[in-house]
Protein backbone atom coordinates (compact mmCIF):
# COMPACT_ATOMS: atom_id res chain seq x y z
CA UNK A 1 22.04 123.79 58.92
CA UNK A 2 19.85 120.73 59.21
CA UNK A 3 19.63 119.16 62.61
CA UNK A 4 17.21 116.41 61.62
CA UNK A 5 18.85 113.15 60.37
CA UNK A 6 17.70 110.04 58.66
CA UNK A 7 18.97 106.44 59.20
CA UNK A 8 19.86 104.43 55.98
CA UNK A 9 19.53 100.52 56.50
CA UNK A 10 21.11 97.63 54.81
CA UNK A 11 17.91 95.81 53.46
CA UNK A 12 19.97 92.28 53.65
CA UNK A 13 20.57 92.84 57.30
CA UNK A 14 18.55 95.38 58.67
CA UNK A 15 21.51 97.34 60.13
CA UNK A 16 21.98 101.11 60.18
CA UNK A 17 24.91 101.77 57.69
CA UNK A 18 24.91 105.52 57.68
CA UNK A 19 23.04 108.70 59.00
CA UNK A 20 22.22 111.48 56.72
CA UNK A 21 21.15 114.78 57.14
CA UNK A 22 17.50 115.60 56.19
CA UNK A 23 16.93 118.81 54.11
CA UNK A 24 14.58 121.44 55.63
CA UNK A 25 12.20 123.61 53.57
CA UNK A 26 14.35 126.44 54.31
CA UNK A 27 17.47 124.53 52.70
CA UNK A 28 15.30 123.63 49.85
CA UNK A 29 14.92 127.31 49.33
CA UNK A 30 18.59 128.48 49.53
CA UNK A 31 19.55 125.57 47.21
CA UNK A 32 16.99 126.82 44.74
CA UNK A 33 18.60 130.26 44.73
CA UNK A 34 22.27 128.83 44.48
CA UNK A 35 21.10 126.63 41.58
CA UNK A 36 19.40 129.44 39.69
CA UNK A 37 22.67 131.48 39.96
CA UNK A 38 24.64 128.66 38.79
CA UNK A 39 22.19 127.81 35.89
CA UNK A 40 22.82 131.43 34.41
CA UNK A 41 26.42 130.83 33.87
CA UNK A 42 25.82 127.17 32.63
CA UNK A 43 23.33 128.14 29.93
CA UNK A 44 25.54 130.84 28.85
CA UNK A 45 28.59 128.59 28.22
CA UNK A 46 29.58 127.25 24.81
CA UNK A 47 27.75 124.13 23.81
CA UNK A 48 30.96 122.33 23.18
CA UNK A 49 32.11 123.15 26.71
CA UNK A 50 28.98 121.94 28.37
CA UNK A 51 29.25 118.61 26.44
CA UNK A 52 33.05 118.30 27.40
CA UNK A 53 32.32 118.63 31.08
CA UNK A 54 29.46 116.22 30.95
CA UNK A 55 31.64 113.79 29.07
CA UNK A 56 34.34 114.29 31.95
CA UNK A 57 31.67 113.53 34.54
CA UNK A 58 30.72 110.28 32.71
CA UNK A 59 34.51 109.30 32.81
CA UNK A 60 34.62 109.94 36.42
CA UNK A 61 31.60 107.91 37.02
CA UNK A 62 33.34 105.29 34.98
CA UNK A 63 36.27 105.36 37.39
CA UNK A 64 34.14 104.86 40.19
CA UNK A 65 31.80 102.10 38.94
CA UNK A 66 32.72 99.41 41.61
CA UNK A 67 32.39 101.84 44.35
CA UNK A 68 29.16 103.08 43.34
CA UNK A 69 27.91 99.50 42.62
CA UNK A 70 28.89 98.38 46.07
CA UNK A 71 27.28 101.44 47.63
CA UNK A 72 23.99 100.32 45.84
CA UNK A 73 24.32 96.95 47.25
CA UNK A 74 24.65 98.09 50.69
CA UNK A 75 21.75 100.87 50.74
CA UNK A 76 19.27 99.15 48.31
CA UNK A 77 20.18 95.31 48.68
CA UNK A 78 20.49 95.08 44.84
CA UNK A 79 22.68 92.19 43.48
CA UNK A 80 26.16 93.20 42.72
CA UNK A 81 25.43 92.41 39.06
CA UNK A 82 22.58 94.72 38.79
CA UNK A 83 24.29 97.41 40.61
CA UNK A 84 27.14 97.26 38.19
CA UNK A 85 24.77 97.77 35.52
CA UNK A 86 23.14 100.59 37.03
CA UNK A 87 26.40 102.57 37.83
CA UNK A 88 27.37 101.73 34.13
CA UNK A 89 23.99 103.26 33.05
CA UNK A 90 24.59 106.42 35.00
CA UNK A 91 27.65 106.71 32.78
CA UNK A 92 26.13 105.96 29.58
CA UNK A 93 23.24 108.41 30.18
CA UNK A 94 25.74 111.03 30.82
CA UNK A 95 27.65 110.26 27.38
CA UNK A 96 24.61 109.96 25.64
CA UNK A 97 23.21 113.33 26.91
CA UNK A 98 26.47 115.04 26.20
CA UNK A 99 26.06 113.95 22.51
CA UNK A 100 22.96 116.04 22.43
CA UNK A 101 24.07 119.29 23.56
CA UNK A 102 25.56 120.59 20.27
CA UNK A 103 22.46 119.12 18.31
CA UNK A 104 20.05 120.75 20.45
CA UNK A 105 18.92 123.12 17.60
CA UNK A 106 15.75 124.83 16.48
CA UNK A 107 14.24 125.34 13.04
CA UNK A 108 13.78 127.77 10.28
CA UNK A 109 10.09 127.68 9.05
CA UNK A 110 9.14 129.16 5.83
CA UNK A 111 7.12 132.43 6.15
CA UNK A 112 6.14 135.38 3.92
CA UNK A 113 7.94 138.87 4.29
CA UNK A 114 10.53 137.58 6.60
CA UNK A 115 12.56 134.80 8.56
CA UNK A 116 11.12 132.53 11.17
CA UNK A 117 13.17 130.62 13.76
CA UNK A 118 12.56 128.69 16.73
CA UNK A 119 15.18 128.64 19.47
CA UNK A 120 15.27 126.06 22.51
CA UNK A 121 15.93 127.59 25.56
CA UNK A 122 16.62 125.88 29.05
CA UNK A 123 13.77 125.99 31.53
CA UNK A 124 16.22 126.89 34.62
CA UNK A 125 15.97 124.94 37.57
CA UNK A 126 14.71 121.29 37.63
CA UNK A 127 13.43 119.35 40.51
CA UNK A 128 14.17 115.39 40.20
CA UNK A 129 12.47 113.29 42.72
CA UNK A 130 13.95 109.56 42.25
CA UNK A 131 12.60 106.39 43.89
CA UNK A 132 14.46 103.86 45.99
CA UNK A 133 13.86 100.98 43.60
CA UNK A 134 16.35 102.16 40.98
CA UNK A 135 18.07 105.06 42.67
CA UNK A 136 21.18 105.53 40.17
CA UNK A 137 19.79 105.24 36.79
CA UNK A 138 16.51 106.76 37.38
CA UNK A 139 18.29 109.71 39.02
CA UNK A 140 20.31 110.02 35.95
CA UNK A 141 17.37 109.81 33.52
CA UNK A 142 16.29 113.23 34.56
CA UNK A 143 19.70 114.80 35.62
CA UNK A 144 21.62 114.00 32.58
CA UNK A 145 19.29 115.43 29.93
CA UNK A 146 18.34 118.30 32.04
CA UNK A 147 22.03 119.52 32.50
CA UNK A 148 22.74 118.72 28.96
CA UNK A 149 20.04 121.11 27.79
CA UNK A 150 21.22 123.91 30.05
CA UNK A 151 19.44 123.50 33.31
CA UNK A 152 20.59 123.13 36.93
CA UNK A 153 19.23 120.14 38.97
CA UNK A 154 18.07 119.71 42.22
CA UNK A 155 17.91 115.86 43.10
CA UNK A 156 15.79 114.45 45.88
CA UNK A 157 16.56 111.10 46.54
CA UNK A 158 14.33 108.55 48.33
CA UNK A 159 14.92 108.40 52.07
CA UNK A 160 15.92 105.03 52.14
CA UNK A 161 18.53 105.31 49.17
CA UNK A 162 20.56 108.66 49.48
CA UNK A 163 24.14 107.49 49.39
CA UNK A 164 24.39 107.08 45.58
CA UNK A 165 23.01 110.23 44.80
CA UNK A 166 25.34 112.06 47.41
CA UNK A 167 28.33 110.41 45.91
CA UNK A 168 27.43 111.33 42.26
CA UNK A 169 27.14 114.90 43.36
CA UNK A 170 30.65 114.69 44.62
CA UNK A 171 32.00 113.07 41.56
CA UNK A 172 30.27 116.00 39.47
CA UNK A 173 32.35 118.50 41.49
CA UNK A 174 35.42 116.30 40.92
CA UNK A 175 34.63 116.40 36.98
CA UNK A 176 34.52 120.20 37.07
CA UNK A 177 30.76 120.82 36.88
CA UNK A 178 29.95 124.41 38.51
CA UNK A 179 29.43 124.50 42.09
CA UNK A 180 25.73 124.26 43.03
CA UNK A 181 24.75 123.29 39.43
CA UNK A 182 23.82 119.76 40.60
CA UNK A 183 22.80 119.49 44.31
CA UNK A 184 21.46 116.61 46.05
CA UNK A 185 18.79 117.19 48.78
CA UNK A 186 18.22 113.95 50.87
CA UNK A 187 15.04 114.32 53.44
CA UNK A 188 11.55 113.18 53.74
CA UNK A 189 9.21 113.54 50.69
CA UNK A 190 6.65 115.68 52.62
CA UNK A 191 9.34 118.11 53.63
CA UNK A 192 12.07 118.43 50.92
CA UNK A 193 10.14 116.76 48.60
CA UNK A 194 7.00 119.14 48.76
CA UNK A 195 9.19 122.25 49.18
CA UNK A 196 10.78 121.53 45.90
CA UNK A 197 7.55 120.83 44.04
CA UNK A 198 5.98 123.89 45.52
CA UNK A 199 8.79 126.21 45.12
CA UNK A 200 8.15 129.07 42.57
CA UNK A 201 11.88 129.13 41.34
CA UNK A 202 11.49 125.50 40.23
CA UNK A 203 10.51 125.16 36.36
CA UNK A 204 9.82 121.33 36.26
CA UNK A 205 9.38 118.45 38.41
CA UNK A 206 10.43 115.08 37.14
CA UNK A 207 9.06 112.43 39.50
CA UNK A 208 9.37 108.41 39.68
CA UNK A 209 7.32 106.73 42.11
CA UNK A 210 3.77 105.76 43.29
CA UNK A 211 0.73 106.71 41.52
CA UNK A 212 -0.59 108.00 44.68
CA UNK A 213 1.95 110.38 45.22
CA UNK A 214 2.38 111.23 41.61
CA UNK A 215 -1.26 112.59 41.73
CA UNK A 216 -0.29 114.58 44.57
CA UNK A 217 2.48 116.11 43.09
CA UNK A 218 0.49 116.73 39.56
CA UNK A 219 -1.95 118.66 41.81
CA UNK A 220 0.42 120.91 43.53
CA UNK A 221 2.28 121.48 40.15
CA UNK A 222 -1.03 122.52 38.50
CA UNK A 223 -1.40 125.41 40.91
CA UNK A 224 1.64 127.15 39.30
CA UNK A 225 1.26 125.52 35.72
CA UNK A 226 4.47 123.87 36.58
CA UNK A 227 5.96 121.31 34.08
CA UNK A 228 5.77 117.66 35.14
CA UNK A 229 6.98 114.28 33.98
CA UNK A 230 5.53 111.45 35.90
CA UNK A 231 6.65 107.82 35.76
CA UNK A 232 4.27 105.89 37.91
CA UNK A 233 2.97 102.55 38.77
CA UNK A 234 2.61 99.45 36.64
CA UNK A 235 0.93 95.99 36.67
CA UNK A 236 2.42 94.82 33.42
CA UNK A 237 1.15 91.79 31.27
CA UNK A 238 3.36 88.89 29.97
CA UNK A 239 1.22 87.28 27.32
CA UNK A 240 2.10 83.94 26.10
CA UNK A 241 0.29 82.42 23.31
CA UNK A 242 0.16 78.61 22.41
CA UNK A 243 2.00 79.25 19.05
CA UNK A 244 4.85 80.72 20.98
CA UNK A 245 8.48 79.19 21.62
CA UNK A 246 7.11 77.97 25.04
CA UNK A 247 10.55 76.88 26.49
CA UNK A 248 11.94 80.36 25.72
CA UNK A 249 9.03 82.06 27.09
CA UNK A 250 9.16 79.93 30.22
CA UNK A 251 12.87 80.49 30.68
CA UNK A 252 12.39 84.40 30.45
CA UNK A 253 9.59 84.42 32.94
CA UNK A 254 11.13 84.11 36.44
CA UNK A 255 13.40 87.11 36.18
CA UNK A 256 10.87 89.27 34.13
CA UNK A 257 9.19 89.76 37.76
CA UNK A 258 11.90 88.74 40.18
CA UNK A 259 14.49 91.11 39.00
CA UNK A 260 15.24 93.72 41.71
CA UNK A 261 13.28 91.34 44.03
CA UNK A 262 9.94 92.61 41.89
CA UNK A 263 10.57 96.04 43.14
CA UNK A 264 10.16 97.25 39.41
CA UNK A 265 7.37 99.23 37.75
CA UNK A 266 8.07 97.14 34.67
CA UNK A 267 7.82 93.89 36.33
CA UNK A 268 5.74 91.14 34.12
CA UNK A 269 3.56 90.42 37.33
CA UNK A 270 0.48 89.17 35.54
CA UNK A 271 1.48 86.34 33.33
CA UNK A 272 -1.41 85.61 30.68
CA UNK A 273 -1.14 82.08 29.15
CA UNK A 274 -3.38 80.63 26.56
CA UNK A 275 -5.33 77.98 28.14
CA UNK A 276 -4.28 75.03 25.76
CA UNK A 277 -0.77 75.46 27.22
CA UNK A 278 -1.42 76.68 30.63
CA UNK A 279 -0.71 73.46 32.36
CA UNK A 280 2.45 72.84 30.26
CA UNK A 281 3.68 76.40 30.99
CA UNK A 282 3.27 75.88 34.96
CA UNK A 283 4.91 72.50 34.73
CA UNK A 284 7.96 73.94 33.07
CA UNK A 285 8.05 77.16 35.13
CA UNK A 286 8.21 75.48 38.67
CA UNK A 287 11.90 74.16 38.33
CA UNK A 288 13.00 77.79 37.29
CA UNK A 289 11.21 79.38 40.00
CA UNK A 290 12.24 76.94 42.74
CA UNK A 291 15.81 77.17 41.59
CA UNK A 292 16.19 80.94 41.79
CA UNK A 293 19.38 81.82 44.06
CA UNK A 294 18.04 84.39 46.78
CA UNK A 295 20.74 85.56 49.28
CA UNK A 296 23.50 87.98 50.15
CA UNK A 297 23.29 90.50 47.12
CA UNK A 298 27.07 91.14 47.32
CA UNK A 299 27.60 87.34 46.04
CA UNK A 300 28.15 86.97 42.45
CA UNK A 301 25.87 83.99 42.35
CA UNK A 302 22.82 85.68 43.68
CA UNK A 303 20.15 86.31 41.47
CA UNK A 304 17.70 87.89 43.78
CA UNK A 305 18.31 90.11 47.29
CA UNK A 306 16.09 91.46 49.84
CA UNK A 307 12.95 93.89 49.85
CA UNK A 308 13.87 97.45 50.49
CA UNK A 309 12.46 97.57 53.97
CA UNK A 310 10.17 96.09 56.73
CA UNK A 311 7.30 97.89 55.52
CA UNK A 312 7.64 96.77 51.93
CA UNK A 313 7.98 93.21 53.20
CA UNK A 314 4.55 93.47 55.31
CA UNK A 315 2.87 94.87 52.06
CA UNK A 316 3.94 92.01 49.78
CA UNK A 317 2.88 89.56 52.56
CA UNK A 318 -0.36 90.94 52.53
CA UNK A 319 -1.01 90.02 48.76
CA UNK A 320 -0.21 86.15 49.23
CA UNK A 321 -2.64 84.00 50.93
CA UNK A 322 -1.81 81.63 53.72
CA UNK A 323 -3.25 78.65 51.87
CA UNK A 324 -0.81 79.18 48.77
CA UNK A 325 -1.80 77.75 45.62
CA UNK A 326 1.05 78.05 43.17
CA UNK A 327 4.73 77.94 43.22
CA UNK A 328 7.10 79.14 45.87
CA UNK A 329 11.13 79.36 45.70
CA UNK A 330 13.24 79.94 48.92
CA UNK A 331 14.74 82.93 50.73
CA UNK A 332 16.91 83.17 53.82
CA UNK A 333 15.65 83.18 57.37
CA UNK A 334 16.94 85.69 60.04
CA UNK A 335 17.85 89.52 59.74
CA UNK A 336 16.90 91.30 56.46
CA UNK A 337 13.74 91.93 54.56
CA UNK A 338 13.42 88.53 52.73
CA UNK A 339 10.68 87.23 50.63
CA UNK A 340 10.76 84.11 48.48
CA UNK A 341 9.95 84.04 44.84
CA UNK A 342 6.06 83.47 44.46
CA UNK A 343 3.70 82.46 41.69
CA UNK A 344 0.07 82.56 42.50
CA UNK A 345 -2.47 80.38 40.55
CA UNK A 346 -6.18 79.82 40.57
CA UNK A 347 -7.02 83.37 41.48
CA UNK A 348 -9.97 85.52 39.98
CA UNK A 349 -8.70 88.29 37.64
CA UNK A 350 -10.20 90.94 39.49
CA UNK A 351 -8.36 89.98 42.78
CA UNK A 352 -5.88 92.45 44.39
CA UNK A 353 -3.01 90.19 43.66
CA UNK A 354 -3.95 90.16 39.94
CA UNK A 355 -4.75 93.95 39.80
CA UNK A 356 -2.75 95.98 42.15
CA UNK A 357 1.03 96.61 42.00
CA UNK A 358 2.61 94.30 44.54
CA UNK A 359 6.19 95.63 44.03
CA UNK A 360 7.65 92.39 45.17
CA UNK A 361 8.59 89.02 44.01
CA UNK A 362 5.02 87.78 43.41
CA UNK A 363 3.18 87.00 39.89
CA UNK A 364 -0.15 85.64 39.07
CA UNK A 365 -0.64 83.35 36.17
CA UNK A 366 -4.02 83.62 34.56
CA UNK A 367 -5.56 81.63 31.54
CA UNK A 368 -7.05 83.17 28.31
CA UNK A 369 -8.88 81.60 25.30
CA UNK A 370 -8.03 83.67 22.22
CA UNK A 371 -6.33 86.79 20.99
CA UNK A 372 -9.43 88.93 22.07
CA UNK A 373 -9.39 87.54 25.35
CA UNK A 374 -5.79 88.19 25.88
CA UNK A 375 -6.00 91.87 25.04
CA UNK A 376 -9.01 92.29 27.24
CA UNK A 377 -7.24 90.97 30.15
CA UNK A 378 -3.77 92.73 29.31
CA UNK A 379 -5.91 95.94 29.20
CA UNK A 380 -7.89 95.19 32.47
CA UNK A 381 -5.79 97.61 34.68
CA UNK A 382 -5.62 101.07 35.47
CA UNK A 383 -1.89 100.90 34.53
CA UNK A 384 -0.09 100.89 31.00
CA UNK A 385 3.65 100.95 31.47
CA UNK A 386 5.09 97.72 29.86
CA UNK A 387 4.33 94.29 28.81
CA UNK A 388 5.62 91.39 26.83
CA UNK A 389 4.03 89.34 24.01
CA UNK A 390 5.18 85.67 23.06
CA UNK A 391 4.19 84.44 19.40
CA UNK A 392 5.80 83.14 16.34
CA UNK A 393 3.12 84.99 14.35
CA UNK A 394 4.27 88.22 13.13
CA UNK A 395 0.92 89.48 12.37
CA UNK A 396 -0.48 88.71 15.84
CA UNK A 397 2.57 90.63 17.17
CA UNK A 398 1.81 93.73 15.60
CA UNK A 399 -1.95 93.34 16.38
CA UNK A 400 -1.50 92.85 19.87
CA UNK A 401 1.18 95.29 20.31
CA UNK A 402 -1.28 97.90 18.75
CA UNK A 403 -4.10 96.84 20.91
CA UNK A 404 -2.34 96.62 24.38
CA UNK A 405 -2.54 100.13 26.05
CA UNK A 406 0.95 100.33 27.44
CA UNK A 407 4.02 102.68 26.52
CA UNK A 408 6.75 99.86 26.13
CA UNK A 409 6.25 96.59 24.70
CA UNK A 410 8.61 93.79 23.82
CA UNK A 411 7.77 90.93 21.60
CA UNK A 412 9.59 87.58 22.30
CA UNK A 413 11.61 89.27 25.10
CA UNK A 414 11.36 91.20 28.18
CA UNK A 415 13.40 94.35 27.53
CA UNK A 416 11.58 97.67 28.17
CA UNK A 417 14.32 100.19 29.03
CA UNK A 418 17.26 101.50 26.66
CA UNK A 419 18.67 105.06 27.21
CA UNK A 420 18.44 105.75 23.55
CA UNK A 421 14.66 104.93 23.05
CA UNK A 422 11.69 106.73 24.73
CA UNK A 423 10.25 105.23 28.01
CA UNK A 424 7.02 106.23 29.62
CA UNK A 425 3.51 105.10 30.33
CA UNK A 426 -0.22 105.13 29.29
CA UNK A 427 -3.10 105.73 31.76
CA UNK A 428 -2.29 105.91 35.60
CA UNK A 429 1.29 104.93 34.84
CA UNK A 430 2.03 108.49 34.11
CA UNK A 431 2.71 110.82 31.26
CA UNK A 432 5.52 112.45 29.40
CA UNK A 433 8.48 110.46 27.95
CA UNK A 434 12.04 109.92 29.32
CA UNK A 435 15.30 108.84 27.68
CA UNK A 436 15.63 108.50 23.78
CA UNK A 437 16.56 110.86 21.18
CA UNK A 438 13.94 113.55 22.48
CA UNK A 439 15.23 113.52 25.95
CA UNK A 440 16.89 116.94 26.01
CA UNK A 441 13.90 118.95 24.46
CA UNK A 442 11.63 117.85 27.53
CA UNK A 443 13.81 120.32 29.58
CA UNK A 444 13.40 123.27 27.06
CA UNK A 445 11.05 125.81 26.09
CA UNK A 446 10.46 126.58 22.42
CA UNK A 447 10.77 130.39 21.50
CA UNK A 448 9.49 131.35 18.07
CA UNK A 449 11.27 134.56 16.60
CA UNK A 450 9.70 136.28 13.48
CA UNK A 451 12.45 138.87 11.68
CA UNK A 452 10.57 140.99 9.09
CA UNK A 453 12.63 141.69 6.01
CA UNK A 454 10.07 144.23 4.71
CA UNK A 455 11.39 147.08 7.01
């Protein structure tokens, strides 16, 4: 048994809401052994039976959506509307993954002198390390397809947001999933997380988090040639051309970087606006930023809640100069980790706020001259996760989409993530793809078998 514990805080008040045991390295080792045993029976089960249990899991989650959403509000400070969407996304991911179980088929490849077939086999035990910014959905991104492909899953939630993960594990058992097939291991990243990454019985690690930690995990996995999927940081551009529907582009801009208080790797925190409409864009943007409702995340009218922690609040403050040039909204005073919606102007494109991932409700607006200049600025970052392009010119939309080095782009919108389409980044935003029609295959090994007909 673990005797170390971790306090979970409500970001809106700073109060302790629960104390959770912290998993030790020895407990990780025991969990891997249990998972490996459970995985053997799970992989041997008929595909229809695995699919049926995953659909039942989805149905149980559906019956607890409000409970899960309220838990997310308390531990992560998400607005209730966002939290309901996140709980629903877990349900939808389980349903989507269940639909792939019976379609996870190999191929027959023409050869001379026999029959050649491929078989997709589960990897074994998968370690999923989830972040604190979207605890429920991102945990499900790895867990749902891994289970569907016949693997066991050990989920290590972020230290600050373990409660929804623990509840999902309870609901999985209620749905009838085999014991120990899906286990949650709360605890410190440098203890439980490291033990999971380094364990020889864990076949693959799925990590979402900072680029700094992702590099450390990648290096540790390399020692054992362990598979890894990394979804890391972002500094995504929102490119607004003069020929766009400017009013629509402006109206969509605030929540493109303020959703989840800016704690989103897809946040469009670099707003690139063609110089001929730059001043008009800012003029139209100011009322939208100033009117964003920041407050109690449990209130239905709230659009933006607090940051996750005091440490994150101090980090965000460090990017905003005392002599602010730009636009600023309002945020509550008093307890909690609050920061107002903020737009910075007049900064150099090479300044820290314009280049580094702030992970808070802060955007930088930069002017550009023409299409080539917009592409240059958009790609002037070590990241390449997402971005948006606003233009009425279809040819330009296609050209710029091809030229911007990012894994997920939207034209005349800010949508990046759908569970039925692939998601992942270029450059230091990570590698590998999650979600989409090929999600299950990322958790399988391809075995080729040749059967001679000449004997």
